[in-house]
Amino acid sequence: MPKSKPSKPYRPSTLKARIETQDSAGGPMPLKGGAKGPKVSIWVKLLVLVHVITITSWSLPTPAKAVMDGQAKASFPSEWLLYNNEIYVKHSPIQLYLLSLGLWQSWDMFSPNPAGADMYSTADLILKNGQIIHYQYPRMYDLSRMTKYAEERYRKFFEHAGSDDDTYLWPYFAKRIVYLTKQDPANPIVKVLLNRNWYFIPRPYTFDQYSQQLWDSIKNGKVSVNTVVPPSPDIPTAYTTYNYYTYYPLTGTGVNNK
């Protein structure tokens, strides 16, 4: 007679079958509706909770500059919350935790303090013979939709390179413009004027003003479309231009024109 192959041990193919097999052998009880799964350490839960609170606090934007400088009172609850978070939470030990582990992040594009000015950069390159070359820094307003996706980083860079808070970037910004400009060795660029062009965007009604105006119109029985949906303020068309930095490529020196 042919020899029979030794039978393999029974191995349940499904998770349910395995659980039931373990249960019948006196192992762990099967997971049923309402039954609790594996316990998670209270320290793990505490770590997750602290981490969520930490990254949320760090991601909140800074309050308005006037509030930080003490020139305006922090209104409750938004500015009050942002101010206390900036002073007492962000500068607590969570700063060491986030920065040392590389977990920091930021979210400050929009609310509550969107940009209050339309600003872009230009440069005037003065050659040895006195000729002036006008350099137009990439501006999102003038670019096509597809190009904007690739060059949006230029706008973000200028938020720092054109700011009075990051003057250390100005020489490198000017050097880059010189590098991108074709030159004649016999007629080199001798001076670079970095220009800041801007206009301030008129502020719309604040929520308090809007609420008060709407309430007054309701009491007086003079509710109108403009009361419910106030018209937007007129946007300026003329830009103010200011030469904020002068760079001399031949000597590698520059002057801050503050």
C-alpha atoms as a PDB file:
ATOM      1  CA  MET A   1       0.000   0.000   0.000  1.00  0.00           C
ATOM      2  CA  PRO A   2       1.246   3.502  -0.784  1.00  0.00           C
ATOM      3  CA  LYS A   3       2.518   5.399   2.177  1.00  0.00           C
ATOM      4  CA  SER A   4       0.271   8.221   3.268  1.00  0.00           C
ATOM      5  CA  LYS A   5       1.786  11.631   3.643  1.00  0.00           C
ATOM      6  CA  PRO A   6       1.940  12.958   7.183  1.00  0.00           C
ATOM      7  CA  SER A   7      -0.876  15.352   7.816  1.00  0.00           C
ATOM      8  CA  LYS A   8       0.067  19.027   8.317  1.00  0.00           C
ATOM      9  CA  PRO A   9      -0.999  20.747  11.513  1.00  0.00           C
ATOM     10  CA  TYR A  10      -4.225  22.647  11.215  1.00  0.00           C
ATOM     11  CA  ARG A  11      -3.633  26.354  10.670  1.00  0.00           C
ATOM     12  CA  PRO A  12      -6.761  28.478  10.478  1.00  0.00           C
ATOM     13  CA  SER A  13      -6.665  30.715   7.405  1.00  0.00           C
ATOM     14  CA  THR A  14      -8.770  33.525   8.749  1.00  0.00           C
ATOM     15  CA  LEU A  15      -8.308  35.795  11.722  1.00  0.00           C
ATOM     16  CA  LYS A  16     -11.694  34.776  13.095  1.00  0.00           C
ATOM     17  CA  ALA A  17     -10.819  31.088  12.875  1.00  0.00           C
ATOM     18  CA  ARG A  18      -7.503  31.677  14.596  1.00  0.00           C
ATOM     19  CA  ILE A  19      -9.153  33.563  17.427  1.00  0.00           C
ATOM     20  CA  GLU A  20     -11.772  30.852  17.877  1.00  0.00           C
ATOM     21  CA  THR A  21      -9.038  28.183  17.888  1.00  0.00           C
ATOM     22  CA  GLN A  22      -7.067  30.074  20.513  1.00  0.00           C
ATOM     23  CA  ASP A  23     -10.189  30.498  22.591  1.00  0.00           C
ATOM     24  CA  SER A  24     -10.993  26.799  22.507  1.00  0.00           C
ATOM     25  CA  ALA A  25      -7.452  26.061  23.631  1.00  0.00           C
ATOM     26  CA  GLY A  26      -7.741  28.406  26.548  1.00  0.00           C
ATOM     27  CA  GLY A  27      -6.028  31.364  24.802  1.00  0.00           C
ATOM     28  CA  PRO A  28      -7.217  34.944  24.436  1.00  0.00           C
ATOM     29  CA  MET A  29     -10.935  35.542  24.208  1.00  0.00           C
ATOM     30  CA  PRO A  30     -12.258  36.437  20.738  1.00  0.00           C
ATOM     31  CA  LEU A  31     -12.906  40.093  19.919  1.00  0.00           C
ATOM     32  CA  LYS A  32     -16.643  40.616  19.757  1.00  0.00           C
ATOM     33  CA  GLY A  33     -18.792  43.690  19.522  1.00  0.00           C
ATOM     34  CA  GLY A  34     -18.296  45.783  22.617  1.00  0.00           C
ATOM     35  CA  ALA A  35     -15.168  43.920  23.706  1.00  0.00           C
ATOM     36  CA  LYS A  36     -11.997  45.983  24.228  1.00  0.00           C
ATOM     37  CA  GLY A  37      -8.905  45.438  22.108  1.00  0.00           C
ATOM     38  CA  PRO A  38      -5.288  45.538  23.265  1.00  0.00           C
ATOM     39  CA  LYS A  39      -4.660  48.149  25.924  1.00  0.00           C
ATOM     40  CA  VAL A  40      -2.569  51.183  25.019  1.00  0.00           C
ATOM     41  CA  SER A  41      -0.240  52.554  27.638  1.00  0.00           C
ATOM     42  CA  ILE A  42      -1.392  55.750  29.299  1.00  0.00           C
ATOM     43  CA  TRP A  43       2.042  57.190  28.481  1.00  0.00           C
ATOM     44  CA  VAL A  44       1.492  56.658  24.749  1.00  0.00           C
ATOM     45  CA  LYS A  45      -1.887  58.386  24.960  1.00  0.00           C
ATOM     46  CA  LEU A  46      -0.342  61.246  26.906  1.00  0.00           C
ATOM     47  CA  LEU A  47       2.468  61.615  24.335  1.00  0.00           C
ATOM     48  CA  VAL A  48      -0.006  61.775  21.438  1.00  0.00           C
ATOM     49  CA  LEU A  49      -2.142  64.333  23.281  1.00  0.00           C
ATOM     50  CA  VAL A  50       0.841  66.553  24.108  1.00  0.00           C
ATOM     51  CA  HIS A  51       2.163  66.285  20.537  1.00  0.00           C
ATOM     52  CA  VAL A  52      -1.186  67.305  19.017  1.00  0.00           C
ATOM     53  CA  ILE A  53      -1.452  70.282  21.367  1.00  0.00           C
ATOM     54  CA  THR A  54       2.157  71.241  20.641  1.00  0.00           C
ATOM     55  CA  ILE A  55       1.952  71.234  16.836  1.00  0.00           C
ATOM     56  CA  THR A  56      -1.408  73.019  16.968  1.00  0.00           C
ATOM     57  CA  SER A  57       0.055  75.754  19.150  1.00  0.00           C
ATOM     58  CA  TRP A  58       3.147  76.083  16.955  1.00  0.00           C
ATOM     59  CA  SER A  59       1.068  76.296  13.775  1.00  0.00           C
ATOM     60  CA  LEU A  60      -1.042  79.207  14.982  1.00  0.00           C
ATOM     61  CA  PRO A  61       0.013  82.508  13.347  1.00  0.00           C
ATOM     62  CA  THR A  62       1.507  85.376  15.273  1.00  0.00           C
ATOM     63  CA  PRO A  63      -0.798  88.214  16.335  1.00  0.00           C
ATOM     64  CA  ALA A  64      -0.800  91.599  14.628  1.00  0.00           C
ATOM     65  CA  LYS A  65       2.462  93.545  14.901  1.00  0.00           C
ATOM     66  CA  ALA A  66       0.723  96.381  16.742  1.00  0.00           C
ATOM     67  CA  VAL A  67      -0.414  93.910  19.411  1.00  0.00           C
ATOM     68  CA  MET A  68       3.059  92.404  19.767  1.00  0.00           C
ATOM     69  CA  ASP A  69       4.618  95.880  20.068  1.00  0.00           C
ATOM     70  CA  GLY A  70       2.117  96.889  22.746  1.00  0.00           C
ATOM     71  CA  GLN A  71       0.585  99.605  20.550  1.00  0.00           C
ATOM     72  CA  ALA A  72      -2.832  97.929  20.452  1.00  0.00           C
ATOM     73  CA  LYS A  73      -4.806  95.831  22.897  1.00  0.00           C
ATOM     74  CA  ALA A  74      -5.358  92.169  22.052  1.00  0.00           C
ATOM     75  CA  SER A  75      -9.062  91.728  21.358  1.00  0.00           C
ATOM     76  CA  PHE A  76     -10.786  88.707  22.864  1.00  0.00           C
ATOM     77  CA  PRO A  77     -10.830  85.922  21.878  1.00  0.00           C
ATOM     78  CA  SER A  78      -8.784  85.703  18.651  1.00  0.00           C
ATOM     79  CA  GLU A  79      -5.927  88.182  19.210  1.00  0.00           C
ATOM     80  CA  TRP A  80      -5.874  87.432  22.936  1.00  0.00           C
ATOM     81  CA  LEU A  81      -5.449  83.722  22.249  1.00  0.00           C
ATOM     82  CA  LEU A  82      -2.729  84.309  19.627  1.00  0.00           C
ATOM     83  CA  TYR A  83      -0.850  86.753  21.849  1.00  0.00           C
ATOM     84  CA  ASN A  84      -0.763  84.449  24.880  1.00  0.00           C
ATOM     85  CA  ASN A  85       0.124  81.493  22.711  1.00  0.00           C
ATOM     86  CA  GLU A  86       3.041  83.434  21.191  1.00  0.00           C
ATOM     87  CA  ILE A  87       4.373  84.689  24.529  1.00  0.00           C
ATOM     88  CA  TYR A  88       3.753  81.830  26.939  1.00  0.00           C
ATOM     89  CA  VAL A  89       3.346  78.638  24.908  1.00  0.00           C
ATOM     90  CA  LYS A  90       5.649  78.910  21.894  1.00  0.00           C
ATOM     91  CA  HIS A  91       8.540  80.010  24.100  1.00  0.00           C
ATOM     92  CA  SER A  92       8.019  77.232  26.624  1.00  0.00           C
ATOM     93  CA  PRO A  93       9.882  73.873  26.538  1.00  0.00           C
ATOM     94  CA  ILE A  94       7.766  72.824  23.551  1.00  0.00           C
ATOM     95  CA  GLN A  95      10.089  74.984  21.429  1.00  0.00           C
ATOM     96  CA  LEU A  96      13.031  72.759  22.356  1.00  0.00           C
ATOM     97  CA  TYR A  97      10.939  69.636  21.710  1.00  0.00           C
ATOM     98  CA  LEU A  98       9.887  70.711  18.210  1.00  0.00           C
ATOM     99  CA  LEU A  99      13.110  72.306  17.011  1.00  0.00           C
ATOM    100  CA  SER A 100      15.478  69.637  18.312  1.00  0.00           C
ATOM    101  CA  LEU A 101      13.455  66.827  16.701  1.00  0.00           C
ATOM    102  CA  GLY A 102      12.698  68.729  13.476  1.00  0.00           C
ATOM    103  CA  LEU A 103       8.929  68.562  14.051  1.00  0.00           C
ATOM    104  CA  TRP A 104       8.228  72.279  13.674  1.00  0.00           C
ATOM    105  CA  GLN A 105       5.797  73.490  11.035  1.00  0.00           C
ATOM    106  CA  SER A 106       3.881  76.649  10.272  1.00  0.00           C
ATOM    107  CA  TRP A 107       0.608  77.772   8.807  1.00  0.00           C
ATOM    108  CA  ASP A 108       0.326  81.529   8.399  1.00  0.00           C
ATOM    109  CA  MET A 109      -0.972  82.145   4.892  1.00  0.00           C
ATOM    110  CA  PHE A 110      -4.400  83.559   5.590  1.00  0.00           C
ATOM    111  CA  SER A 111      -6.364  84.318   8.733  1.00  0.00           C
ATOM    112  CA  PRO A 112      -6.243  86.178  10.981  1.00  0.00           C
ATOM    113  CA  ASN A 113      -3.698  88.627   9.543  1.00  0.00           C
ATOM    114  CA  PRO A 114      -3.535  88.429   5.744  1.00  0.00           C
ATOM    115  CA  ALA A 115      -1.059  90.622   3.901  1.00  0.00           C
ATOM    116  CA  GLY A 116      -2.058  94.276   3.965  1.00  0.00           C
ATOM    117  CA  ALA A 117      -0.025  95.396   0.948  1.00  0.00           C
ATOM    118  CA  ASP A 118       0.503  94.436  -2.671  1.00  0.00           C
ATOM    119  CA  MET A 119       4.275  94.387  -3.095  1.00  0.00           C
ATOM    120  CA  TYR A 120       6.728  93.346  -5.779  1.00  0.00           C
ATOM    121  CA  SER A 121      10.402  93.870  -6.580  1.00  0.00           C
ATOM    122  CA  THR A 122      12.331  95.498  -9.403  1.00  0.00           C
ATOM    123  CA  ALA A 123      15.988  96.366  -9.831  1.00  0.00           C
ATOM    124  CA  ASP A 124      17.917  98.948 -11.816  1.00  0.00           C
ATOM    125  CA  LEU A 125      21.297  97.738 -13.062  1.00  0.00           C
ATOM    126  CA  ILE A 126      23.691 100.553 -13.891  1.00  0.00           C
ATOM    127  CA  LEU A 127      26.469  99.730 -16.352  1.00  0.00           C
ATOM    128  CA  LYS A 128      29.921 101.263 -16.554  1.00  0.00           C
ATOM    129  CA  ASN A 129      28.911 103.515 -19.469  1.00  0.00           C
ATOM    130  CA  GLY A 130      25.917 104.840 -17.536  1.00  0.00           C
ATOM    131  CA  GLN A 131      23.289 102.722 -19.288  1.00  0.00           C
ATOM    132  CA  ILE A 132      20.489 101.434 -17.065  1.00  0.00           C
ATOM    133  CA  ILE A 133      18.962  97.960 -17.402  1.00  0.00           C
ATOM    134  CA  HIS A 134      15.587  97.454 -15.759  1.00  0.00           C
ATOM    135  CA  TYR A 135      15.162  94.042 -14.139  1.00  0.00           C
ATOM    136  CA  GLN A 136      11.657  92.746 -13.405  1.00  0.00           C
ATOM    137  CA  TYR A 137      11.545  90.164 -10.644  1.00  0.00           C
ATOM    138  CA  PRO A 138       9.010  87.360 -11.400  1.00  0.00           C
ATOM    139  CA  ARG A 139       5.595  88.624 -10.391  1.00  0.00           C
ATOM    140  CA  MET A 140       2.647  86.265 -10.038  1.00  0.00           C
ATOM    141  CA  TYR A 141       0.265  88.883 -11.409  1.00  0.00           C
ATOM    142  CA  ASP A 142       1.986  88.799 -14.811  1.00  0.00           C
ATOM    143  CA  LEU A 143       2.554  85.043 -15.124  1.00  0.00           C
ATOM    144  CA  SER A 144       0.376  82.427 -16.787  1.00  0.00           C
ATOM    145  CA  ARG A 145      -1.480  79.921 -14.654  1.00  0.00           C
ATOM    146  CA  MET A 146       0.920  77.089 -15.402  1.00  0.00           C
ATOM    147  CA  THR A 147       4.008  79.215 -14.771  1.00  0.00           C
ATOM    148  CA  LYS A 148       2.659  80.380 -11.425  1.00  0.00           C
ATOM    149  CA  TYR A 149       2.804  76.855 -10.026  1.00  0.00           C
ATOM    150  CA  ALA A 150       6.528  76.609 -10.787  1.00  0.00           C
ATOM    151  CA  GLU A 151       7.504  80.141  -9.744  1.00  0.00           C
ATOM    152  CA  GLU A 152       5.284  80.794  -6.741  1.00  0.00           C
ATOM    153  CA  ARG A 153       8.366  80.229  -4.586  1.00  0.00           C
ATOM    154  CA  TYR A 154       9.819  83.479  -5.974  1.00  0.00           C
ATOM    155  CA  ARG A 155       6.986  85.479  -4.447  1.00  0.00           C
ATOM    156  CA  LYS A 156       7.460  83.696  -1.146  1.00  0.00           C
ATOM    157  CA  PHE A 157      11.187  84.387  -1.247  1.00  0.00           C
ATOM    158  CA  PHE A 158      10.662  88.109  -1.799  1.00  0.00           C
ATOM    159  CA  GLU A 159       8.504  88.263   1.334  1.00  0.00           C
ATOM    160  CA  HIS A 160      11.814  87.757   3.149  1.00  0.00           C
ATOM    161  CA  ALA A 161      14.318  89.258   0.703  1.00  0.00           C
ATOM    162  CA  GLY A 162      12.301  92.486   0.592  1.00  0.00           C
ATOM    163  CA  SER A 163      11.658  92.701   4.312  1.00  0.00           C
ATOM    164  CA  ASP A 164      13.480  94.987   6.721  1.00  0.00           C
ATOM    165  CA  ASP A 165      13.620  92.039   9.141  1.00  0.00           C
ATOM    166  CA  ASP A 166      15.904  89.997   6.844  1.00  0.00           C
ATOM    167  CA  THR A 167      18.535  92.479   5.668  1.00  0.00           C
ATOM    168  CA  TYR A 168      21.172  89.741   5.539  1.00  0.00           C
ATOM    169  CA  LEU A 169      19.472  88.442   2.363  1.00  0.00           C
ATOM    170  CA  TRP A 170      19.782  91.707   0.438  1.00  0.00           C
ATOM    171  CA  PRO A 171      23.387  91.267  -0.816  1.00  0.00           C
ATOM    172  CA  TYR A 172      22.659  87.712  -1.994  1.00  0.00           C
ATOM    173  CA  PHE A 173      19.486  88.872  -3.707  1.00  0.00           C
ATOM    174  CA  ALA A 174      21.426  91.543  -5.599  1.00  0.00           C
ATOM    175  CA  LYS A 175      24.231  89.097  -6.494  1.00  0.00           C
ATOM    176  CA  ARG A 176      21.690  86.677  -7.951  1.00  0.00           C
ATOM    177  CA  ILE A 177      20.222  89.369 -10.186  1.00  0.00           C
ATOM    178  CA  VAL A 178      23.721  90.252 -11.440  1.00  0.00           C
ATOM    179  CA  TYR A 179      24.399  86.585 -12.130  1.00  0.00           C
ATOM    180  CA  LEU A 180      21.184  86.220 -14.173  1.00  0.00           C
ATOM    181  CA  THR A 181      21.916  89.296 -16.302  1.00  0.00           C
ATOM    182  CA  LYS A 182      24.062  88.994 -19.425  1.00  0.00           C
ATOM    183  CA  GLN A 183      27.073  91.269 -19.253  1.00  0.00           C
ATOM    184  CA  ASP A 184      29.739  92.638 -21.512  1.00  0.00           C
ATOM    185  CA  PRO A 185      33.137  92.313 -19.777  1.00  0.00           C
ATOM    186  CA  ALA A 186      34.085  95.688 -21.248  1.00  0.00           C
ATOM    187  CA  ASN A 187      30.942  97.279 -19.848  1.00  0.00           C
ATOM    188  CA  PRO A 188      30.150  95.519 -16.549  1.00  0.00           C
ATOM    189  CA  ILE A 189      27.433  96.240 -14.018  1.00  0.00           C
ATOM    190  CA  VAL A 190      28.808  98.682 -11.452  1.00  0.00           C
ATOM    191  CA  LYS A 191      25.713  99.291  -9.330  1.00  0.00           C
ATOM    192  CA  VAL A 192      22.473  97.466  -8.492  1.00  0.00           C
ATOM    193  CA  LEU A 193      19.495  99.310  -7.045  1.00  0.00           C
ATOM    194  CA  LEU A 194      16.958  97.009  -5.388  1.00  0.00           C
ATOM    195  CA  ASN A 195      13.524  98.594  -5.458  1.00  0.00           C
ATOM    196  CA  ARG A 196      10.441  97.810  -3.429  1.00  0.00           C
ATOM    197  CA  ASN A 197       7.109  98.681  -5.107  1.00  0.00           C
ATOM    198  CA  TRP A 198       3.917  98.609  -3.076  1.00  0.00           C
ATOM    199  CA  TYR A 199       0.536 100.030  -2.215  1.00  0.00           C
ATOM    200  CA  PHE A 200      -1.485  99.400   0.905  1.00  0.00           C
ATOM    201  CA  ILE A 201      -4.754  97.524   0.501  1.00  0.00           C
ATOM    202  CA  PRO A 202      -7.634  99.416   2.139  1.00  0.00           C
ATOM    203  CA  ARG A 203      -9.050  97.505   5.062  1.00  0.00           C
ATOM    204  CA  PRO A 204     -12.720  96.506   4.878  1.00  0.00           C
ATOM    205  CA  TYR A 205     -15.120  96.831   7.761  1.00  0.00           C
ATOM    206  CA  THR A 206     -14.148  94.998  10.909  1.00  0.00           C
ATOM    207  CA  PHE A 207     -16.666  92.503  12.215  1.00  0.00           C
ATOM    208  CA  ASP A 208     -17.576  94.854  15.083  1.00  0.00           C
ATOM    209  CA  GLN A 209     -18.209  97.738  12.664  1.00  0.00           C
ATOM    210  CA  TYR A 210     -20.227  95.528  10.354  1.00  0.00           C
ATOM    211  CA  SER A 211     -22.335  94.157  13.206  1.00  0.00           C
ATOM    212  CA  GLN A 212     -22.995  97.630  14.609  1.00  0.00           C
ATOM    213  CA  GLN A 213     -23.930  99.052  11.202  1.00  0.00           C
ATOM    214  CA  LEU A 214     -26.236  96.132  10.464  1.00  0.00           C
ATOM    215  CA  TRP A 215     -27.914  96.402  13.858  1.00  0.00           C
ATOM    216  CA  ASP A 216     -28.420 100.161  13.492  1.00  0.00           C
ATOM    217  CA  SER A 217     -29.985  99.699  10.043  1.00  0.00           C
ATOM    218  CA  ILE A 218     -32.340  97.049  11.408  1.00  0.00           C
ATOM    219  CA  LYS A 219     -33.425  99.298  14.285  1.00  0.00           C
ATOM    220  CA  ASN A 220     -34.005 102.206  11.904  1.00  0.00           C
ATOM    221  CA  GLY A 221     -35.777 100.048   9.332  1.00  0.00           C
ATOM    222  CA  LYS A 222     -33.276 100.934   6.607  1.00  0.00           C
ATOM    223  CA  VAL A 223     -31.778  97.581   5.713  1.00  0.00           C
ATOM    224  CA  SER A 224     -30.302  97.555   2.199  1.00  0.00           C
ATOM    225  CA  VAL A 225     -28.100  95.353   0.072  1.00  0.00           C
ATOM    226  CA  ASN A 226     -25.074  97.527   0.873  1.00  0.00           C
ATOM    227  CA  THR A 227     -25.806  97.114   4.562  1.00  0.00           C
ATOM    228  CA  VAL A 228     -25.910  93.330   4.407  1.00  0.00           C
ATOM    229  CA  VAL A 229     -23.083  93.041   1.846  1.00  0.00           C
ATOM    230  CA  PRO A 230     -20.927  96.179   2.139  1.00  0.00           C
ATOM    231  CA  PRO A 231     -19.121  97.172  -1.078  1.00  0.00           C
ATOM    232  CA  SER A 232     -15.399  96.545  -1.249  1.00  0.00           C
ATOM    233  CA  PRO A 233     -13.149  99.598  -0.810  1.00  0.00           C
ATOM    234  CA  ASP A 234     -11.517 101.076  -3.899  1.00  0.00           C
ATOM    235  CA  ILE A 235      -8.156  99.484  -4.653  1.00  0.00           C
ATOM    236  CA  PRO A 236      -5.292 101.899  -5.474  1.00  0.00           C
ATOM    237  CA  THR A 237      -3.693 101.733  -8.903  1.00  0.00           C
ATOM    238  CA  ALA A 238      -0.465 103.689  -8.285  1.00  0.00           C
ATOM    239  CA  TYR A 239       2.520 102.046  -6.591  1.00  0.00           C
ATOM    240  CA  THR A 240       5.069 103.707  -4.329  1.00  0.00           C
ATOM    241  CA  THR A 241       8.659 102.859  -5.292  1.00  0.00           C
ATOM    242  CA  TYR A 242      11.571 102.934  -2.880  1.00  0.00           C
ATOM    243  CA  ASN A 243      15.231 101.988  -3.397  1.00  0.00           C
ATOM    244  CA  TYR A 244      15.934 100.011  -0.227  1.00  0.00           C
ATOM    245  CA  TYR A 245      19.383  98.606  -1.035  1.00  0.00           C
ATOM    246  CA  THR A 246      22.328  99.549  -3.270  1.00  0.00           C
ATOM    247  CA  TYR A 247      24.914  96.938  -4.203  1.00  0.00           C
ATOM    248  CA  TYR A 248      28.309  97.417  -5.881  1.00  0.00           C
ATOM    249  CA  PRO A 249      29.305  94.152  -7.648  1.00  0.00           C
ATOM    250  CA  LEU A 250      32.907  95.152  -8.388  1.00  0.00           C
ATOM    251  CA  THR A 251      33.732  95.606  -4.703  1.00  0.00           C
ATOM    252  CA  GLY A 252      31.103  93.285  -3.213  1.00  0.00           C
ATOM    253  CA  THR A 253      29.817  95.987  -0.873  1.00  0.00           C
ATOM    254  CA  GLY A 254      26.362  97.379  -0.316  1.00  0.00           C
ATOM    255  CA  VAL A 255      24.443 100.140   1.429  1.00  0.00           C
ATOM    256  CA  ASN A 256      21.142  99.775   3.284  1.00  0.00           C
ATOM    257  CA  ASN A 257      18.960 102.730   2.316  1.00  0.00           C
ATOM    258  CA  LYS A 258      16.672 102.660   5.331  1.00  0.00           C
END
